[in-house]
Amino acid sequence: MTLYDWSTAPTWATCAARDFNGFAHWFENKAELFKEHKDDICGEWYATNGKSAPCDPFWHDQIDCPPYEQSFELRPEVNVQ
């Protein structure tokens, strides 16, 4: 079972994650949690290069949604290293 509806993902998307505010994003390249300082996590996901785009749904409406730290998911048919 996947966290995201990959049938609606852009063809270039290889992974997805949601921020602490509940919004999810598609990413072309592997995303990481943003750290402003050592051991400081603000809850924003980003990729150093490549495309990104908003991803529905708004996850606060989902009952079985994991915390944002555990929301990262690779596209099932893509093996990104």
PDB file of N, CA and C in Angstrom:
ATOM      1  N   MET A   1       0.851  -1.188   0.000  1.00  0.00           N
ATOM      2  CA  MET A   1       0.000   0.000   0.000  1.00  0.00           C
ATOM      3  C   MET A   1       0.894   1.248   0.000  1.00  0.00           C
ATOM      4  N   THR A   2       0.586   2.171  -0.857  1.00  0.00           N
ATOM      5  CA  THR A   2       1.378   3.397  -0.944  1.00  0.00           C
ATOM      6  C   THR A   2       0.663   4.549  -0.240  1.00  0.00           C
ATOM      7  N   LEU A   3       1.435   5.561   0.125  1.00  0.00           N
ATOM      8  CA  LEU A   3       0.878   6.745   0.784  1.00  0.00           C
ATOM      9  C   LEU A   3       0.263   7.713  -0.214  1.00  0.00           C
ATOM     10  N   TYR A   4       0.749   7.687  -1.449  1.00  0.00           N
ATOM     11  CA  TYR A   4       0.354   8.670  -2.457  1.00  0.00           C
ATOM     12  C   TYR A   4      -0.307   7.980  -3.643  1.00  0.00           C
ATOM     13  N   ASP A   5      -1.159   8.712  -4.341  1.00  0.00           N
ATOM     14  CA  ASP A   5      -1.819   8.190  -5.535  1.00  0.00           C
ATOM     15  C   ASP A   5      -0.896   8.424  -6.725  1.00  0.00           C
ATOM     16  N   TRP A   6      -0.048   7.454  -6.996  1.00  0.00           N
ATOM     17  CA  TRP A   6       0.967   7.611  -8.043  1.00  0.00           C
ATOM     18  C   TRP A   6       0.367   7.656  -9.443  1.00  0.00           C
ATOM     19  N   SER A   7      -0.891   7.265  -9.596  1.00  0.00           N
ATOM     20  CA  SER A   7      -1.525   7.353 -10.914  1.00  0.00           C
ATOM     21  C   SER A   7      -1.735   8.803 -11.330  1.00  0.00           C
ATOM     22  N   THR A   8      -1.705   9.728 -10.369  1.00  0.00           N
ATOM     23  CA  THR A   8      -1.877  11.151 -10.681  1.00  0.00           C
ATOM     24  C   THR A   8      -0.552  11.909 -10.689  1.00  0.00           C
ATOM     25  N   ALA A   9       0.547  11.213 -10.443  1.00  0.00           N
ATOM     26  CA  ALA A   9       1.861  11.867 -10.362  1.00  0.00           C
ATOM     27  C   ALA A   9       2.364  12.272 -11.741  1.00  0.00           C
ATOM     28  N   PRO A  10       3.118  13.377 -11.820  1.00  0.00           N
ATOM     29  CA  PRO A  10       3.762  13.730 -13.087  1.00  0.00           C
ATOM     30  C   PRO A  10       4.716  12.606 -13.500  1.00  0.00           C
ATOM     31  N   THR A  11       4.934  12.441 -14.784  1.00  0.00           N
ATOM     32  CA  THR A  11       5.802  11.361 -15.262  1.00  0.00           C
ATOM     33  C   THR A  11       7.229  11.501 -14.753  1.00  0.00           C
ATOM     34  N   TRP A  12       7.665  12.728 -14.462  1.00  0.00           N
ATOM     35  CA  TRP A  12       9.036  12.948 -13.999  1.00  0.00           C
ATOM     36  C   TRP A  12       9.221  12.705 -12.508  1.00  0.00           C
ATOM     37  N   ALA A  13       8.141  12.553 -11.752  1.00  0.00           N
ATOM     38  CA  ALA A  13       8.237  12.416 -10.290  1.00  0.00           C
ATOM     39  C   ALA A  13       8.780  11.044  -9.900  1.00  0.00           C
ATOM     40  N   THR A  14       9.801  11.044  -9.046  1.00  0.00           N
ATOM     41  CA  THR A  14      10.374   9.791  -8.554  1.00  0.00           C
ATOM     42  C   THR A  14      10.097   9.571  -7.074  1.00  0.00           C
ATOM     43  N   CYS A  15       9.646  10.626  -6.369  1.00  0.00           N
ATOM     44  CA  CYS A  15       9.347  10.482  -4.949  1.00  0.00           C
ATOM     45  C   CYS A  15       8.367  11.564  -4.515  1.00  0.00           C
ATOM     46  N   ALA A  16       7.820  11.376  -3.326  1.00  0.00           N
ATOM     47  CA  ALA A  16       6.878  12.345  -2.765  1.00  0.00           C
ATOM     48  C   ALA A  16       7.084  12.415  -1.257  1.00  0.00           C
ATOM     49  N   ALA A  17       6.706  13.551  -0.688  1.00  0.00           N
ATOM     50  CA  ALA A  17       6.771  13.739   0.766  1.00  0.00           C
ATOM     51  C   ALA A  17       5.840  14.887   1.127  1.00  0.00           C
ATOM     52  N   ARG A  18       5.391  14.909   2.381  1.00  0.00           N
ATOM     53  CA  ARG A  18       4.538  16.004   2.819  1.00  0.00           C
ATOM     54  C   ARG A  18       5.258  16.813   3.888  1.00  0.00           C
ATOM     55  N   ASP A  19       5.028  18.112   3.895  1.00  0.00           N
ATOM     56  CA  ASP A  19       5.627  18.999   4.881  1.00  0.00           C
ATOM     57  C   ASP A  19       4.826  18.969   6.179  1.00  0.00           C
ATOM     58  N   PHE A  20       5.372  19.580   7.223  1.00  0.00           N
ATOM     59  CA  PHE A  20       4.712  19.620   8.529  1.00  0.00           C
ATOM     60  C   PHE A  20       3.356  20.298   8.463  1.00  0.00           C
ATOM     61  N   ASN A  21       3.149  21.150   7.459  1.00  0.00           N
ATOM     62  CA  ASN A  21       1.885  21.880   7.333  1.00  0.00           C
ATOM     63  C   ASN A  21       0.803  21.060   6.647  1.00  0.00           C
ATOM     64  N   GLY A  22       1.142  19.851   6.226  1.00  0.00           N
ATOM     65  CA  GLY A  22       0.149  18.964   5.645  1.00  0.00           C
ATOM     66  C   GLY A  22       0.172  18.877   4.137  1.00  0.00           C
ATOM     67  N   PHE A  23       0.885  19.774   3.460  1.00  0.00           N
ATOM     68  CA  PHE A  23       0.917  19.739   2.002  1.00  0.00           C
ATOM     69  C   PHE A  23       1.962  18.756   1.501  1.00  0.00           C
ATOM     70  N   ALA A  24       1.603  18.005   0.492  1.00  0.00           N
ATOM     71  CA  ALA A  24       2.523  17.035  -0.096  1.00  0.00           C
ATOM     72  C   ALA A  24       3.069  17.579  -1.414  1.00  0.00           C
ATOM     73  N   HIS A  25       4.228  17.073  -1.808  1.00  0.00           N
ATOM     74  CA  HIS A  25       4.892  17.517  -3.033  1.00  0.00           C
ATOM     75  C   HIS A  25       5.481  16.325  -3.770  1.00  0.00           C
ATOM     76  N   TRP A  26       5.438  16.399  -5.094  1.00  0.00           N
ATOM     77  CA  TRP A  26       6.160  15.455  -5.943  1.00  0.00           C
ATOM     78  C   TRP A  26       7.562  16.011  -6.145  1.00  0.00           C
ATOM     79  N   PHE A  27       8.548  15.131  -6.237  1.00  0.00           N
ATOM     80  CA  PHE A  27       9.926  15.547  -6.491  1.00  0.00           C
ATOM     81  C   PHE A  27      10.522  14.706  -7.605  1.00  0.00           C
ATOM     82  N   GLU A  28      11.319  15.370  -8.462  1.00  0.00           N
ATOM     83  CA  GLU A  28      12.005  14.663  -9.543  1.00  0.00           C
ATOM     84  C   GLU A  28      13.202  13.888  -8.996  1.00  0.00           C
ATOM     85  N   ASN A  29      13.904  14.480  -8.043  1.00  0.00           N
ATOM     86  CA  ASN A  29      15.071  13.840  -7.437  1.00  0.00           C
ATOM     87  C   ASN A  29      14.830  13.651  -5.949  1.00  0.00           C
ATOM     88  N   LYS A  30      15.606  12.789  -5.336  1.00  0.00           N
ATOM     89  CA  LYS A  30      15.377  12.438  -3.935  1.00  0.00           C
ATOM     90  C   LYS A  30      15.337  13.674  -3.041  1.00  0.00           C
ATOM     91  N   ALA A  31      14.280  13.777  -2.267  1.00  0.00           N
ATOM     92  CA  ALA A  31      14.093  14.914  -1.361  1.00  0.00           C
ATOM     93  C   ALA A  31      14.715  14.614   0.000  1.00  0.00           C
ATOM     94  N   GLU A  32      15.061  15.682   0.710  1.00  0.00           N
ATOM     95  CA  GLU A  32      15.619  15.571   2.058  1.00  0.00           C
ATOM     96  C   GLU A  32      14.906  16.573   2.956  1.00  0.00           C
ATOM     97  N   LEU A  33      14.897  16.296   4.247  1.00  0.00           N
ATOM     98  CA  LEU A  33      14.350  17.267   5.195  1.00  0.00           C
ATOM     99  C   LEU A  33      15.306  18.440   5.307  1.00  0.00           C
ATOM    100  N   PHE A  34      14.772  19.657   5.226  1.00  0.00           N
ATOM    101  CA  PHE A  34      15.585  20.869   5.306  1.00  0.00           C
ATOM    102  C   PHE A  34      16.124  21.040   6.716  1.00  0.00           C
ATOM    103  N   LYS A  35      17.414  21.311   6.814  1.00  0.00           N
ATOM    104  CA  LYS A  35      18.042  21.589   8.113  1.00  0.00           C
ATOM    105  C   LYS A  35      18.742  22.930   8.022  1.00  0.00           C
ATOM    106  N   GLU A  36      18.316  23.861   8.862  1.00  0.00           N
ATOM    107  CA  GLU A  36      18.935  25.180   8.885  1.00  0.00           C
ATOM    108  C   GLU A  36      20.226  25.143   9.697  1.00  0.00           C
ATOM    109  N   HIS A  37      20.194  24.431  10.787  1.00  0.00           N
ATOM    110  CA  HIS A  37      21.358  24.254  11.651  1.00  0.00           C
ATOM    111  C   HIS A  37      21.453  22.773  11.996  1.00  0.00           C
ATOM    112  N   LYS A  38      22.582  22.354  12.508  1.00  0.00           N
ATOM    113  CA  LYS A  38      22.741  20.959  12.896  1.00  0.00           C
ATOM    114  C   LYS A  38      21.639  20.577  13.891  1.00  0.00           C
ATOM    115  N   ASP A  39      21.010  19.438  13.647  1.00  0.00           N
ATOM    116  CA  ASP A  39      19.936  18.905  14.502  1.00  0.00           C
ATOM    117  C   ASP A  39      18.682  19.773  14.518  1.00  0.00           C
ATOM    118  N   ASP A  40      18.536  20.671  13.563  1.00  0.00           N
ATOM    119  CA  ASP A  40      17.352  21.530  13.493  1.00  0.00           C
ATOM    120  C   ASP A  40      16.537  21.131  12.268  1.00  0.00           C
ATOM    121  N   ILE A  41      15.389  20.549  12.490  1.00  0.00           N
ATOM    122  CA  ILE A  41      14.524  20.149  11.382  1.00  0.00           C
ATOM    123  C   ILE A  41      13.271  21.010  11.426  1.00  0.00           C
ATOM    124  N   CYS A  42      12.994  21.694  10.341  1.00  0.00           N
ATOM    125  CA  CYS A  42      11.835  22.592  10.341  1.00  0.00           C
ATOM    126  C   CYS A  42      10.611  21.959   9.701  1.00  0.00           C
ATOM    127  N   GLY A  43      10.741  20.781   9.129  1.00  0.00           N
ATOM    128  CA  GLY A  43       9.581  20.108   8.571  1.00  0.00           C
ATOM    129  C   GLY A  43       9.317  20.377   7.115  1.00  0.00           C
ATOM    130  N   GLU A  44      10.278  20.973   6.409  1.00  0.00           N
ATOM    131  CA  GLU A  44      10.123  21.220   4.978  1.00  0.00           C
ATOM    132  C   GLU A  44      10.976  20.222   4.198  1.00  0.00           C
ATOM    133  N   TRP A  45      10.401  19.642   3.162  1.00  0.00           N
ATOM    134  CA  TRP A  45      11.149  18.753   2.276  1.00  0.00           C
ATOM    135  C   TRP A  45      11.619  19.548   1.069  1.00  0.00           C
ATOM    136  N   TYR A  46      12.793  19.238   0.544  1.00  0.00           N
ATOM    137  CA  TYR A  46      13.318  19.925  -0.631  1.00  0.00           C
ATOM    138  C   TYR A  46      14.226  18.973  -1.399  1.00  0.00           C
ATOM    139  N   ALA A  47      14.483  19.288  -2.644  1.00  0.00           N
ATOM    140  CA  ALA A  47      15.460  18.570  -3.460  1.00  0.00           C
ATOM    141  C   ALA A  47      16.447  19.604  -3.970  1.00  0.00           C
ATOM    142  N   THR A  48      17.726  19.263  -3.944  1.00  0.00           N
ATOM    143  CA  THR A  48      18.751  20.231  -4.336  1.00  0.00           C
ATOM    144  C   THR A  48      18.685  20.574  -5.816  1.00  0.00           C
ATOM    145  N   ASN A  49      18.121  19.709  -6.631  1.00  0.00           N
ATOM    146  CA  ASN A  49      17.944  20.020  -8.049  1.00  0.00           C
ATOM    147  C   ASN A  49      16.731  19.259  -8.577  1.00  0.00           C
ATOM    148  N   GLY A  50      16.327  19.614  -9.766  1.00  0.00           N
ATOM    149  CA  GLY A  50      15.179  18.957 -10.374  1.00  0.00           C
ATOM    150  C   GLY A  50      13.877  19.680 -10.091  1.00  0.00           C
ATOM    151  N   LYS A  51      12.811  19.140 -10.648  1.00  0.00           N
ATOM    152  CA  LYS A  51      11.485  19.745 -10.531  1.00  0.00           C
ATOM    153  C   LYS A  51      10.796  19.313  -9.241  1.00  0.00           C
ATOM    154  N   SER A  52       9.812  20.115  -8.836  1.00  0.00           N
ATOM    155  CA  SER A  52       8.900  19.713  -7.766  1.00  0.00           C
ATOM    156  C   SER A  52       7.543  20.339  -8.073  1.00  0.00           C
ATOM    157  N   ALA A  53       6.495  19.759  -7.531  1.00  0.00           N
ATOM    158  CA  ALA A  53       5.151  20.260  -7.786  1.00  0.00           C
ATOM    159  C   ALA A  53       4.244  19.871  -6.625  1.00  0.00           C
ATOM    160  N   PRO A  54       3.182  20.656  -6.375  1.00  0.00           N
ATOM    161  CA  PRO A  54       2.236  20.306  -5.320  1.00  0.00           C
ATOM    162  C   PRO A  54       1.574  18.963  -5.619  1.00  0.00           C
ATOM    163  N   CYS A  55       1.220  18.271  -4.573  1.00  0.00           N
ATOM    164  CA  CYS A  55       0.619  16.953  -4.684  1.00  0.00           C
ATOM    165  C   CYS A  55      -0.619  16.922  -3.802  1.00  0.00           C
ATOM    166  N   ASP A  56      -1.751  16.529  -4.346  1.00  0.00           N
ATOM    167  CA  ASP A  56      -2.945  16.367  -3.521  1.00  0.00           C
ATOM    168  C   ASP A  56      -2.891  15.000  -2.869  1.00  0.00           C
ATOM    169  N   PRO A  57      -3.554  14.748  -1.776  1.00  0.00           N
ATOM    170  CA  PRO A  57      -4.474  15.645  -1.087  1.00  0.00           C
ATOM    171  C   PRO A  57      -3.810  16.470   0.004  1.00  0.00           C
ATOM    172  N   PHE A  58      -4.609  17.286   0.653  1.00  0.00           N
ATOM    173  CA  PHE A  58      -4.155  18.019   1.826  1.00  0.00           C
ATOM    174  C   PHE A  58      -4.190  17.012   2.976  1.00  0.00           C
ATOM    175  N   TRP A  59      -3.028  16.659   3.472  1.00  0.00           N
ATOM    176  CA  TRP A  59      -2.921  15.479   4.334  1.00  0.00           C
ATOM    177  C   TRP A  59      -3.534  15.632   5.714  1.00  0.00           C
ATOM    178  N   HIS A  60      -3.848  16.842   6.183  1.00  0.00           N
ATOM    179  CA  HIS A  60      -4.510  16.965   7.483  1.00  0.00           C
ATOM    180  C   HIS A  60      -5.900  16.325   7.444  1.00  0.00           C
ATOM    181  N   ASP A  61      -6.450  16.141   6.245  1.00  0.00           N
ATOM    182  CA  ASP A  61      -7.755  15.506   6.110  1.00  0.00           C
ATOM    183  C   ASP A  61      -7.657  13.987   6.139  1.00  0.00           C
ATOM    184  N   GLN A  62      -6.445  13.458   6.126  1.00  0.00           N
ATOM    185  CA  GLN A  62      -6.245  12.017   6.116  1.00  0.00           C
ATOM    186  C   GLN A  62      -6.072  11.507   7.545  1.00  0.00           C
ATOM    187  N   ILE A  63      -6.799  10.492   7.910  1.00  0.00           N
ATOM    188  CA  ILE A  63      -6.715   9.947   9.265  1.00  0.00           C
ATOM    189  C   ILE A  63      -5.451   9.111   9.447  1.00  0.00           C
ATOM    190  N   ASP A  64      -5.102   8.310   8.454  1.00  0.00           N
ATOM    191  CA  ASP A  64      -3.975   7.390   8.574  1.00  0.00           C
ATOM    192  C   ASP A  64      -2.694   7.946   7.975  1.00  0.00           C
ATOM    193  N   CYS A  65      -2.439   9.204   8.173  1.00  0.00           N
ATOM    194  CA  CYS A  65      -1.257   9.855   7.622  1.00  0.00           C
ATOM    195  C   CYS A  65      -0.098   9.772   8.615  1.00  0.00           C
ATOM    196  N   PRO A  66       1.079   9.338   8.163  1.00  0.00           N
ATOM    197  CA  PRO A  66       2.222   9.313   9.075  1.00  0.00           C
ATOM    198  C   PRO A  66       2.735  10.717   9.345  1.00  0.00           C
ATOM    199  N   PRO A  67       3.547  10.899  10.389  1.00  0.00           N
ATOM    200  CA  PRO A  67       4.174  12.197  10.630  1.00  0.00           C
ATOM    201  C   PRO A  67       5.014  12.596   9.417  1.00  0.00           C
ATOM    202  N   TYR A  68       5.234  13.891   9.230  1.00  0.00           N
ATOM    203  CA  TYR A  68       5.955  14.355   8.039  1.00  0.00           C
ATOM    204  C   TYR A  68       7.334  13.729   7.916  1.00  0.00           C
ATOM    205  N   GLU A  69       7.976  13.413   9.054  1.00  0.00           N
ATOM    206  CA  GLU A  69       9.307  12.804   8.998  1.00  0.00           C
ATOM    207  C   GLU A  69       9.270  11.436   8.325  1.00  0.00           C
ATOM    208  N   GLN A  70       8.121  10.773   8.372  1.00  0.00           N
ATOM    209  CA  GLN A  70       7.968   9.431   7.804  1.00  0.00           C
ATOM    210  C   GLN A  70       7.132   9.434   6.532  1.00  0.00           C
ATOM    211  N   SER A  71       6.911  10.603   5.955  1.00  0.00           N
ATOM    212  CA  SER A  71       6.020  10.695   4.799  1.00  0.00           C
ATOM    213  C   SER A  71       6.729  10.517   3.464  1.00  0.00           C
ATOM    214  N   PHE A  72       8.063  10.423   3.467  1.00  0.00           N
ATOM    215  CA  PHE A  72       8.813  10.263   2.217  1.00  0.00           C
ATOM    216  C   PHE A  72       8.518   8.897   1.607  1.00  0.00           C
ATOM    217  N   GLU A  73       8.284   8.891   0.289  1.00  0.00           N
ATOM    218  CA  GLU A  73       8.015   7.634  -0.404  1.00  0.00           C
ATOM    219  C   GLU A  73       8.587   7.695  -1.810  1.00  0.00           C
ATOM    220  N   LEU A  74       9.302   6.640  -2.197  1.00  0.00           N
ATOM    221  CA  LEU A  74       9.780   6.524  -3.571  1.00  0.00           C
ATOM    222  C   LEU A  74       8.649   6.013  -4.442  1.00  0.00           C
ATOM    223  N   ARG A  75       8.647   6.428  -5.700  1.00  0.00           N
ATOM    224  CA  ARG A  75       7.672   5.907  -6.654  1.00  0.00           C
ATOM    225  C   ARG A  75       7.855   4.389  -6.705  1.00  0.00           C
ATOM    226  N   PRO A  76       6.790   3.621  -6.588  1.00  0.00           N
ATOM    227  CA  PRO A  76       6.927   2.164  -6.490  1.00  0.00           C
ATOM    228  C   PRO A  76       7.739   1.514  -7.606  1.00  0.00           C
ATOM    229  N   GLU A  77       7.605   1.970  -8.838  1.00  0.00           N
ATOM    230  CA  GLU A  77       8.314   1.324  -9.945  1.00  0.00           C
ATOM    231  C   GLU A  77       9.670   1.947 -10.240  1.00  0.00           C
ATOM    232  N   VAL A  78      10.112   2.900  -9.407  1.00  0.00           N
ATOM    233  CA  VAL A  78      11.390   3.578  -9.624  1.00  0.00           C
ATOM    234  C   VAL A  78      12.347   3.198  -8.508  1.00  0.00           C
ATOM    235  N   ASN A  79      13.570   2.848  -8.884  1.00  0.00           N
ATOM    236  CA  ASN A  79      14.594   2.533  -7.888  1.00  0.00           C
ATOM    237  C   ASN A  79      15.628   3.640  -7.926  1.00  0.00           C
ATOM    238  N   VAL A  80      15.473   4.656  -7.056  1.00  0.00           N
ATOM    239  CA  VAL A  80      16.380   5.799  -7.021  1.00  0.00           C
ATOM    240  C   VAL A  80      17.458   5.531  -5.984  1.00  0.00           C
ATOM    241  N   GLN A  81      18.707   5.766  -6.351  1.00  0.00           N
ATOM    242  CA  GLN A  81      19.819   5.517  -5.427  1.00  0.00           C
ATOM    243  C   GLN A  81      20.310   6.790  -4.820  1.00  0.00           C
TER     244      GLN A  81
END
